[in-house]
Amino acid sequence: MKPAMMRRFYDLGNGTSIISTTDFFMPIVDNPFDFGRIAATNAISDIFAMGGKPIMAIAILGWPINTLSPDIAREVTEGGALPAVRPVSRWRADTLLTPRSRSLVSRSQA
């Protein structure tokens, strides 16, 4: 395993490891709910890509409160909660370009 990958894992010593990851890539969409949903889906997909099972998530929202209203921040966090609470058995996500909106959207399927 590459040294960078090893830092993401903490071995509990009982056959279980904790996988830790952060994701600060900003989705390119105009809808606040979709923004949060896409950002959370991207972060959670990193855990799945490493063969893990998400059991906890921490959301960090850096927000220019004098420029963007708290109501918009609330919509972002509501969208971000959706992938975290959706029951997952077989999970798949991808990103695609929609011709109608000309924006990137994330699609997930359980």
N, C-alpha and C. Protein backbone atom coordinates (compact mmCIF):
# COMPACT_ATOMS: atom_id res chain seq x y z
N MET A 1 0.84 -1.18 0.00
CA MET A 1 0.00 0.00 0.00
C MET A 1 0.89 1.24 0.00
N LYS A 2 0.49 2.26 -0.73
CA LYS A 2 1.26 3.50 -0.80
C LYS A 2 1.22 4.21 0.56
N PRO A 3 2.31 4.90 0.95
CA PRO A 3 2.31 5.61 2.24
C PRO A 3 1.14 6.58 2.41
N ALA A 4 0.75 7.29 1.35
CA ALA A 4 -0.37 8.23 1.46
C ALA A 4 -1.66 7.51 1.81
N MET A 5 -1.85 6.32 1.27
CA MET A 5 -3.07 5.55 1.56
C MET A 5 -3.04 5.03 3.00
N MET A 6 -1.88 4.66 3.50
CA MET A 6 -1.78 4.10 4.84
C MET A 6 -2.21 5.11 5.89
N ARG A 7 -2.01 6.37 5.65
CA ARG A 7 -2.39 7.39 6.63
C ARG A 7 -3.91 7.53 6.75
N ARG A 8 -4.64 7.01 5.82
CA ARG A 8 -6.09 7.11 5.86
C ARG A 8 -6.73 6.00 6.70
N PHE A 9 -5.96 5.03 7.08
CA PHE A 9 -6.49 3.88 7.81
C PHE A 9 -5.95 3.85 9.23
N TYR A 10 -6.81 3.54 10.20
CA TYR A 10 -6.38 3.34 11.57
C TYR A 10 -6.84 1.95 11.98
N ASP A 11 -5.89 1.05 12.21
CA ASP A 11 -6.19 -0.34 12.54
C ASP A 11 -6.60 -0.44 14.00
N LEU A 12 -7.79 -0.96 14.27
CA LEU A 12 -8.26 -1.14 15.64
C LEU A 12 -7.71 -2.41 16.27
N GLY A 13 -7.04 -3.25 15.48
CA GLY A 13 -6.41 -4.45 16.01
C GLY A 13 -7.32 -5.65 16.13
N ASN A 14 -8.55 -5.53 15.73
CA ASN A 14 -9.49 -6.65 15.83
C ASN A 14 -10.04 -7.05 14.46
N GLY A 15 -9.28 -6.73 13.42
CA GLY A 15 -9.74 -7.03 12.06
C GLY A 15 -10.57 -5.90 11.46
N THR A 16 -10.73 -4.82 12.22
CA THR A 16 -11.49 -3.67 11.75
C THR A 16 -10.56 -2.46 11.70
N SER A 17 -10.75 -1.63 10.68
CA SER A 17 -9.98 -0.40 10.56
C SER A 17 -10.94 0.77 10.38
N ILE A 18 -10.50 1.93 10.81
CA ILE A 18 -11.24 3.16 10.56
C ILE A 18 -10.61 3.82 9.33
N ILE A 19 -11.45 4.19 8.37
CA ILE A 19 -10.99 4.91 7.18
C ILE A 19 -11.41 6.36 7.35
N SER A 20 -10.46 7.27 7.23
CA SER A 20 -10.75 8.69 7.37
C SER A 20 -10.43 9.40 6.06
N THR A 21 -11.34 10.24 5.61
CA THR A 21 -11.11 10.97 4.37
C THR A 21 -11.77 12.34 4.45
N THR A 22 -11.22 13.29 3.74
CA THR A 22 -11.85 14.60 3.59
C THR A 22 -11.97 14.90 2.10
N ASP A 23 -12.94 15.70 1.76
CA ASP A 23 -13.18 16.01 0.36
C ASP A 23 -13.61 17.48 0.27
N PHE A 24 -12.81 18.29 -0.39
CA PHE A 24 -13.10 19.72 -0.48
C PHE A 24 -13.27 20.19 -1.92
N PHE A 25 -13.80 19.32 -2.78
CA PHE A 25 -14.06 19.70 -4.16
C PHE A 25 -15.46 20.30 -4.25
N MET A 26 -15.56 21.48 -4.79
CA MET A 26 -16.84 22.18 -4.84
C MET A 26 -17.65 21.76 -6.06
N PRO A 27 -18.87 21.26 -5.85
CA PRO A 27 -19.74 20.92 -6.99
C PRO A 27 -20.10 22.18 -7.78
N ILE A 28 -20.23 22.03 -9.09
CA ILE A 28 -20.57 23.16 -9.94
C ILE A 28 -22.05 23.08 -10.30
N VAL A 29 -22.89 23.55 -9.38
CA VAL A 29 -24.35 23.58 -9.59
C VAL A 29 -24.89 24.86 -8.95
N ASP A 30 -26.06 25.28 -9.37
CA ASP A 30 -26.68 26.49 -8.84
C ASP A 30 -27.68 26.20 -7.71
N ASN A 31 -28.13 24.97 -7.58
CA ASN A 31 -29.14 24.61 -6.60
C ASN A 31 -28.46 24.23 -5.28
N PRO A 32 -28.77 24.92 -4.17
CA PRO A 32 -28.10 24.65 -2.89
C PRO A 32 -28.29 23.22 -2.39
N PHE A 33 -29.51 22.67 -2.52
CA PHE A 33 -29.77 21.30 -2.07
C PHE A 33 -28.91 20.32 -2.86
N ASP A 34 -28.88 20.48 -4.18
CA ASP A 34 -28.04 19.61 -5.02
C ASP A 34 -26.56 19.77 -4.70
N PHE A 35 -26.14 20.99 -4.40
CA PHE A 35 -24.76 21.26 -4.03
C PHE A 35 -24.36 20.38 -2.83
N GLY A 36 -25.17 20.41 -1.78
CA GLY A 36 -24.89 19.60 -0.59
C GLY A 36 -24.94 18.11 -0.88
N ARG A 37 -25.93 17.69 -1.66
CA ARG A 37 -26.09 16.27 -1.97
C ARG A 37 -24.90 15.75 -2.77
N ILE A 38 -24.46 16.52 -3.75
CA ILE A 38 -23.33 16.09 -4.58
C ILE A 38 -22.04 16.05 -3.76
N ALA A 39 -21.81 17.08 -2.94
CA ALA A 39 -20.60 17.12 -2.12
C ALA A 39 -20.55 15.92 -1.17
N ALA A 40 -21.66 15.61 -0.53
CA ALA A 40 -21.69 14.47 0.40
C ALA A 40 -21.53 13.15 -0.34
N THR A 41 -22.18 13.02 -1.49
CA THR A 41 -22.06 11.80 -2.28
C THR A 41 -20.62 11.57 -2.71
N ASN A 42 -19.93 12.64 -3.12
CA ASN A 42 -18.52 12.52 -3.50
C ASN A 42 -17.67 12.05 -2.33
N ALA A 43 -17.88 12.62 -1.16
CA ALA A 43 -17.09 12.24 0.01
C ALA A 43 -17.36 10.80 0.43
N ILE A 44 -18.63 10.41 0.46
CA ILE A 44 -18.98 9.04 0.85
C ILE A 44 -18.47 8.03 -0.16
N SER A 45 -18.44 8.41 -1.43
CA SER A 45 -17.97 7.47 -2.45
C SER A 45 -16.50 7.12 -2.25
N ASP A 46 -15.71 8.02 -1.65
CA ASP A 46 -14.31 7.71 -1.36
C ASP A 46 -14.20 6.53 -0.40
N ILE A 47 -15.09 6.46 0.58
CA ILE A 47 -15.08 5.35 1.54
C ILE A 47 -15.40 4.04 0.82
N PHE A 48 -16.43 4.07 -0.02
CA PHE A 48 -16.78 2.87 -0.78
C PHE A 48 -15.65 2.44 -1.71
N ALA A 49 -14.98 3.42 -2.31
CA ALA A 49 -13.88 3.11 -3.24
C ALA A 49 -12.74 2.39 -2.53
N MET A 50 -12.60 2.62 -1.22
CA MET A 50 -11.55 1.96 -0.45
C MET A 50 -12.05 0.66 0.19
N GLY A 51 -13.27 0.25 -0.16
CA GLY A 51 -13.82 -1.00 0.36
C GLY A 51 -14.44 -0.87 1.73
N GLY A 52 -14.71 0.34 2.17
CA GLY A 52 -15.26 0.56 3.50
C GLY A 52 -16.77 0.66 3.52
N LYS A 53 -17.30 0.75 4.73
CA LYS A 53 -18.74 0.92 4.95
C LYS A 53 -18.91 2.18 5.81
N PRO A 54 -19.53 3.22 5.27
CA PRO A 54 -19.69 4.46 6.04
C PRO A 54 -20.55 4.23 7.28
N ILE A 55 -20.05 4.68 8.43
CA ILE A 55 -20.83 4.58 9.67
C ILE A 55 -20.98 5.95 10.33
N MET A 56 -20.22 6.94 9.87
CA MET A 56 -20.26 8.27 10.46
C MET A 56 -19.77 9.29 9.43
N ALA A 57 -20.31 10.49 9.49
CA ALA A 57 -19.85 11.56 8.59
C ALA A 57 -19.81 12.87 9.36
N ILE A 58 -18.82 13.68 9.04
CA ILE A 58 -18.72 15.02 9.62
C ILE A 58 -18.75 16.01 8.45
N ALA A 59 -19.66 16.96 8.52
CA ALA A 59 -19.77 17.96 7.46
C ALA A 59 -19.15 19.27 7.93
N ILE A 60 -18.36 19.87 7.06
CA ILE A 60 -17.75 21.17 7.33
C ILE A 60 -18.27 22.14 6.27
N LEU A 61 -18.84 23.24 6.71
CA LEU A 61 -19.38 24.22 5.78
C LEU A 61 -18.70 25.56 6.02
N GLY A 62 -17.80 25.91 5.11
CA GLY A 62 -17.18 27.23 5.15
C GLY A 62 -18.06 28.17 4.33
N TRP A 63 -18.56 29.23 4.95
CA TRP A 63 -19.65 29.97 4.32
C TRP A 63 -19.48 31.48 4.51
N PRO A 64 -19.48 32.28 3.44
CA PRO A 64 -19.42 33.74 3.59
C PRO A 64 -20.79 34.28 4.00
N ILE A 65 -21.05 34.31 5.29
CA ILE A 65 -22.37 34.61 5.83
C ILE A 65 -22.87 36.01 5.42
N ASN A 66 -21.97 36.94 5.14
CA ASN A 66 -22.39 38.28 4.70
C ASN A 66 -22.78 38.31 3.23
N THR A 67 -22.45 37.25 2.50
CA THR A 67 -22.74 37.19 1.07
C THR A 67 -23.89 36.24 0.77
N LEU A 68 -23.89 35.08 1.42
CA LEU A 68 -24.90 34.05 1.18
C LEU A 68 -25.70 33.84 2.46
N SER A 69 -27.01 33.79 2.34
CA SER A 69 -27.88 33.75 3.51
C SER A 69 -27.81 32.42 4.26
N PRO A 70 -28.14 32.46 5.56
CA PRO A 70 -28.22 31.22 6.34
C PRO A 70 -29.27 30.25 5.79
N ASP A 71 -30.31 30.77 5.13
CA ASP A 71 -31.33 29.89 4.53
C ASP A 71 -30.72 29.03 3.43
N ILE A 72 -29.82 29.61 2.64
CA ILE A 72 -29.16 28.84 1.59
C ILE A 72 -28.23 27.81 2.23
N ALA A 73 -27.54 28.18 3.30
CA ALA A 73 -26.67 27.23 4.02
C ALA A 73 -27.49 26.06 4.54
N ARG A 74 -28.70 26.34 5.04
CA ARG A 74 -29.57 25.27 5.53
C ARG A 74 -29.93 24.31 4.41
N GLU A 75 -30.23 24.84 3.21
CA GLU A 75 -30.54 23.97 2.07
C GLU A 75 -29.35 23.09 1.70
N VAL A 76 -28.15 23.66 1.75
CA VAL A 76 -26.94 22.88 1.44
C VAL A 76 -26.79 21.73 2.44
N THR A 77 -26.97 22.02 3.73
CA THR A 77 -26.81 20.97 4.74
C THR A 77 -27.92 19.92 4.64
N GLU A 78 -29.12 20.33 4.27
CA GLU A 78 -30.20 19.35 4.08
C GLU A 78 -29.87 18.42 2.92
N GLY A 79 -29.35 18.97 1.83
CA GLY A 79 -28.93 18.13 0.70
C GLY A 79 -27.79 17.22 1.08
N GLY A 80 -26.86 17.73 1.89
CA GLY A 80 -25.73 16.93 2.33
C GLY A 80 -26.11 15.79 3.24
N ALA A 81 -27.21 15.93 3.96
CA ALA A 81 -27.65 14.87 4.85
C ALA A 81 -28.27 13.69 4.10
N LEU A 82 -28.81 13.94 2.92
CA LEU A 82 -29.52 12.89 2.18
C LEU A 82 -28.67 11.65 1.92
N PRO A 83 -27.46 11.77 1.34
CA PRO A 83 -26.67 10.55 1.11
C PRO A 83 -26.24 9.87 2.40
N ALA A 84 -26.13 10.62 3.49
CA ALA A 84 -25.69 10.05 4.75
C ALA A 84 -26.77 9.22 5.43
N VAL A 85 -28.04 9.55 5.22
CA VAL A 85 -29.12 8.84 5.90
C VAL A 85 -29.83 7.82 5.02
N ARG A 86 -29.56 7.86 3.74
CA ARG A 86 -30.22 6.93 2.82
C ARG A 86 -29.71 5.51 3.06
N PRO A 87 -30.60 4.53 3.24
CA PRO A 87 -30.13 3.15 3.44
C PRO A 87 -29.32 2.68 2.24
N VAL A 88 -28.19 2.08 2.52
CA VAL A 88 -27.30 1.66 1.45
C VAL A 88 -27.03 0.16 1.57
N SER A 89 -27.40 -0.58 0.53
CA SER A 89 -27.00 -1.98 0.47
C SER A 89 -26.02 -2.13 -0.68
N ARG A 90 -26.47 -1.87 -1.88
CA ARG A 90 -25.57 -1.81 -3.03
C ARG A 90 -25.62 -0.37 -3.48
N TRP A 91 -24.50 0.29 -3.48
CA TRP A 91 -24.46 1.73 -3.70
C TRP A 91 -23.63 2.04 -4.92
N ARG A 92 -24.10 2.93 -5.72
CA ARG A 92 -23.39 3.34 -6.92
C ARG A 92 -23.64 4.83 -7.13
N ALA A 93 -22.61 5.55 -7.51
CA ALA A 93 -22.79 6.98 -7.81
C ALA A 93 -21.91 7.35 -8.98
N ASP A 94 -22.39 8.26 -9.78
CA ASP A 94 -21.57 8.78 -10.86
C ASP A 94 -21.96 10.23 -11.11
N THR A 95 -21.19 10.89 -11.92
CA THR A 95 -21.45 12.28 -12.24
C THR A 95 -21.69 12.38 -13.73
N LEU A 96 -22.67 13.17 -14.13
CA LEU A 96 -22.97 13.30 -15.55
C LEU A 96 -23.32 14.74 -15.88
N LEU A 97 -23.24 15.07 -17.14
CA LEU A 97 -23.58 16.42 -17.61
C LEU A 97 -24.98 16.38 -18.19
N THR A 98 -25.88 17.18 -17.64
CA THR A 98 -27.24 17.23 -18.17
C THR A 98 -27.32 18.31 -19.23
N PRO A 99 -27.81 17.97 -20.43
CA PRO A 99 -27.88 18.95 -21.51
C PRO A 99 -28.79 20.13 -21.18
N ARG A 100 -29.87 19.86 -20.45
CA ARG A 100 -30.85 20.91 -20.17
C ARG A 100 -30.27 21.98 -19.25
N SER A 101 -29.62 21.57 -18.18
CA SER A 101 -29.13 22.56 -17.21
C SER A 101 -27.68 22.95 -17.44
N ARG A 102 -26.97 22.21 -18.26
CA ARG A 102 -25.55 22.44 -18.50
C ARG A 102 -24.76 22.45 -17.19
N SER A 103 -25.17 21.61 -16.25
CA SER A 103 -24.46 21.54 -14.98
C SER A 103 -24.20 20.09 -14.61
N LEU A 104 -23.21 19.90 -13.76
CA LEU A 104 -22.91 18.56 -13.29
C LEU A 104 -23.89 18.17 -12.20
N VAL A 105 -24.39 16.96 -12.29
CA VAL A 105 -25.27 16.44 -11.24
C VAL A 105 -24.76 15.08 -10.83
N SER A 106 -25.08 14.69 -9.62
CA SER A 106 -24.66 13.39 -9.13
C SER A 106 -25.88 12.49 -9.06
N ARG A 107 -25.70 11.25 -9.40
CA ARG A 107 -26.80 10.29 -9.36
C ARG A 107 -26.34 9.14 -8.49
N SER A 108 -27.14 8.77 -7.52
CA SER A 108 -26.80 7.63 -6.69
C SER A 108 -27.94 6.63 -6.72
N GLN A 109 -27.60 5.39 -6.50
CA GLN A 109 -28.60 4.33 -6.58
C GLN A 109 -28.30 3.32 -5.50
N ALA A 110 -29.30 2.97 -4.72
CA ALA A 110 -29.12 1.95 -3.68
C ALA A 110 -29.65 0.63 -4.17
